[in-house]
């Protein structure tokens, strides 16, 4: 497993695990970050835009490091 920040632009990845406290995991789950496939749309300085269940979501570097693929 590796953090989502290591994924390349245009790469489809599968979420394996989300770390952090319950509030962070719950927040990410409401945004659609569950064990599922996502697409990395763009990456600038570690910040990501990903496509999750048909919606694009922006993640800062610290949140992206909590999602493991």
C-alpha atoms as a PDB file:
ATOM      1  CA  UNK A   1       0.000   0.000   0.000  1.00  0.00           C
ATOM      2  CA  UNK A   2       1.049   3.576  -0.616  1.00  0.00           C
ATOM      3  CA  UNK A   3      -0.547   6.985   0.011  1.00  0.00           C
ATOM      4  CA  UNK A   4      -2.741   8.537  -2.666  1.00  0.00           C
ATOM      5  CA  UNK A   5      -0.154  11.303  -3.103  1.00  0.00           C
ATOM      6  CA  UNK A   6       2.047   8.742  -4.910  1.00  0.00           C
ATOM      7  CA  UNK A   7      -0.518   8.152  -7.691  1.00  0.00           C
ATOM      8  CA  UNK A   8       0.080   9.677 -11.113  1.00  0.00           C
ATOM      9  CA  UNK A   9      -2.282  11.952 -13.008  1.00  0.00           C
ATOM     10  CA  UNK A  10      -4.710   9.923 -15.120  1.00  0.00           C
ATOM     11  CA  UNK A  11      -4.198   6.772 -13.084  1.00  0.00           C
ATOM     12  CA  UNK A  12      -7.171   4.756 -11.824  1.00  0.00           C
ATOM     13  CA  UNK A  13      -6.506   3.427  -8.334  1.00  0.00           C
ATOM     14  CA  UNK A  14      -8.402   1.435  -5.736  1.00  0.00           C
ATOM     15  CA  UNK A  15      -8.709   2.761  -2.198  1.00  0.00           C
ATOM     16  CA  UNK A  16      -7.501   0.093   0.227  1.00  0.00           C
ATOM     17  CA  UNK A  17      -7.514   1.904   3.582  1.00  0.00           C
ATOM     18  CA  UNK A  18      -8.215   5.308   5.127  1.00  0.00           C
ATOM     19  CA  UNK A  19      -6.274   6.289   8.230  1.00  0.00           C
ATOM     20  CA  UNK A  20      -6.996   8.983  10.780  1.00  0.00           C
ATOM     21  CA  UNK A  21      -9.460   9.512  13.585  1.00  0.00           C
ATOM     22  CA  UNK A  22     -13.153   8.667  13.288  1.00  0.00           C
ATOM     23  CA  UNK A  23     -14.174  12.212  12.302  1.00  0.00           C
ATOM     24  CA  UNK A  24     -11.730  12.325   9.392  1.00  0.00           C
ATOM     25  CA  UNK A  25     -12.692   8.867   8.143  1.00  0.00           C
ATOM     26  CA  UNK A  26     -16.390   9.734   8.422  1.00  0.00           C
ATOM     27  CA  UNK A  27     -15.867  13.019   6.539  1.00  0.00           C
ATOM     28  CA  UNK A  28     -14.006  11.274   3.719  1.00  0.00           C
ATOM     29  CA  UNK A  29     -16.669   8.554   3.571  1.00  0.00           C
ATOM     30  CA  UNK A  30     -19.406  11.167   3.109  1.00  0.00           C
ATOM     31  CA  UNK A  31     -17.414  12.540   0.173  1.00  0.00           C
ATOM     32  CA  UNK A  32     -17.419   9.045  -1.364  1.00  0.00           C
ATOM     33  CA  UNK A  33     -13.975   7.855  -0.310  1.00  0.00           C
ATOM     34  CA  UNK A  34     -14.715   4.225   0.496  1.00  0.00           C
ATOM     35  CA  UNK A  35     -13.068   1.041  -0.757  1.00  0.00           C
ATOM     36  CA  UNK A  36     -13.694   1.715  -4.442  1.00  0.00           C
ATOM     37  CA  UNK A  37     -11.928   2.823  -7.615  1.00  0.00           C
ATOM     38  CA  UNK A  38     -11.112   6.506  -8.133  1.00  0.00           C
ATOM     39  CA  UNK A  39      -9.393   8.454 -10.917  1.00  0.00           C
ATOM     40  CA  UNK A  40      -6.615  10.969 -10.249  1.00  0.00           C
ATOM     41  CA  UNK A  41      -7.532  13.919 -12.477  1.00  0.00           C
ATOM     42  CA  UNK A  42      -4.865  16.452 -11.505  1.00  0.00           C
ATOM     43  CA  UNK A  43      -1.999  16.864  -9.072  1.00  0.00           C
ATOM     44  CA  UNK A  44      -0.217  20.089  -8.140  1.00  0.00           C
ATOM     45  CA  UNK A  45       2.339  20.223  -5.299  1.00  0.00           C
ATOM     46  CA  UNK A  46       0.815  17.143  -3.638  1.00  0.00           C
ATOM     47  CA  UNK A  47      -2.738  18.521  -3.722  1.00  0.00           C
ATOM     48  CA  UNK A  48      -5.087  16.378  -5.788  1.00  0.00           C
ATOM     49  CA  UNK A  49      -8.281  16.539  -7.768  1.00  0.00           C
ATOM     50  CA  UNK A  50      -9.843  13.098  -7.994  1.00  0.00           C
ATOM     51  CA  UNK A  51     -12.998  11.731  -9.539  1.00  0.00           C
ATOM     52  CA  UNK A  52     -15.059   9.779  -7.024  1.00  0.00           C
ATOM     53  CA  UNK A  53     -18.368   8.228  -8.059  1.00  0.00           C
ATOM     54  CA  UNK A  54     -18.853  10.710 -10.906  1.00  0.00           C
ATOM     55  CA  UNK A  55     -17.920  13.823  -8.891  1.00  0.00           C
ATOM     56  CA  UNK A  56     -14.625  15.686  -8.753  1.00  0.00           C
ATOM     57  CA  UNK A  57     -13.230  16.357  -5.299  1.00  0.00           C
ATOM     58  CA  UNK A  58     -10.180  18.425  -4.333  1.00  0.00           C
ATOM     59  CA  UNK A  59      -7.947  17.096  -1.556  1.00  0.00           C
ATOM     60  CA  UNK A  60      -5.058  18.847   0.101  1.00  0.00           C
ATOM     61  CA  UNK A  61      -1.813  16.992   0.637  1.00  0.00           C
ATOM     62  CA  UNK A  62      -2.487  16.150   4.301  1.00  0.00           C
ATOM     63  CA  UNK A  63      -5.857  14.504   3.517  1.00  0.00           C
ATOM     64  CA  UNK A  64      -4.467  12.674   0.486  1.00  0.00           C
ATOM     65  CA  UNK A  65      -1.742  11.145   2.688  1.00  0.00           C
ATOM     66  CA  UNK A  66      -4.456   9.488   4.825  1.00  0.00           C
ATOM     67  CA  UNK A  67      -5.889   7.565   1.863  1.00  0.00           C
ATOM     68  CA  UNK A  68      -3.953   4.430   0.939  1.00  0.00           C
ATOM     69  CA  UNK A  69      -4.108   2.716  -2.435  1.00  0.00           C
END
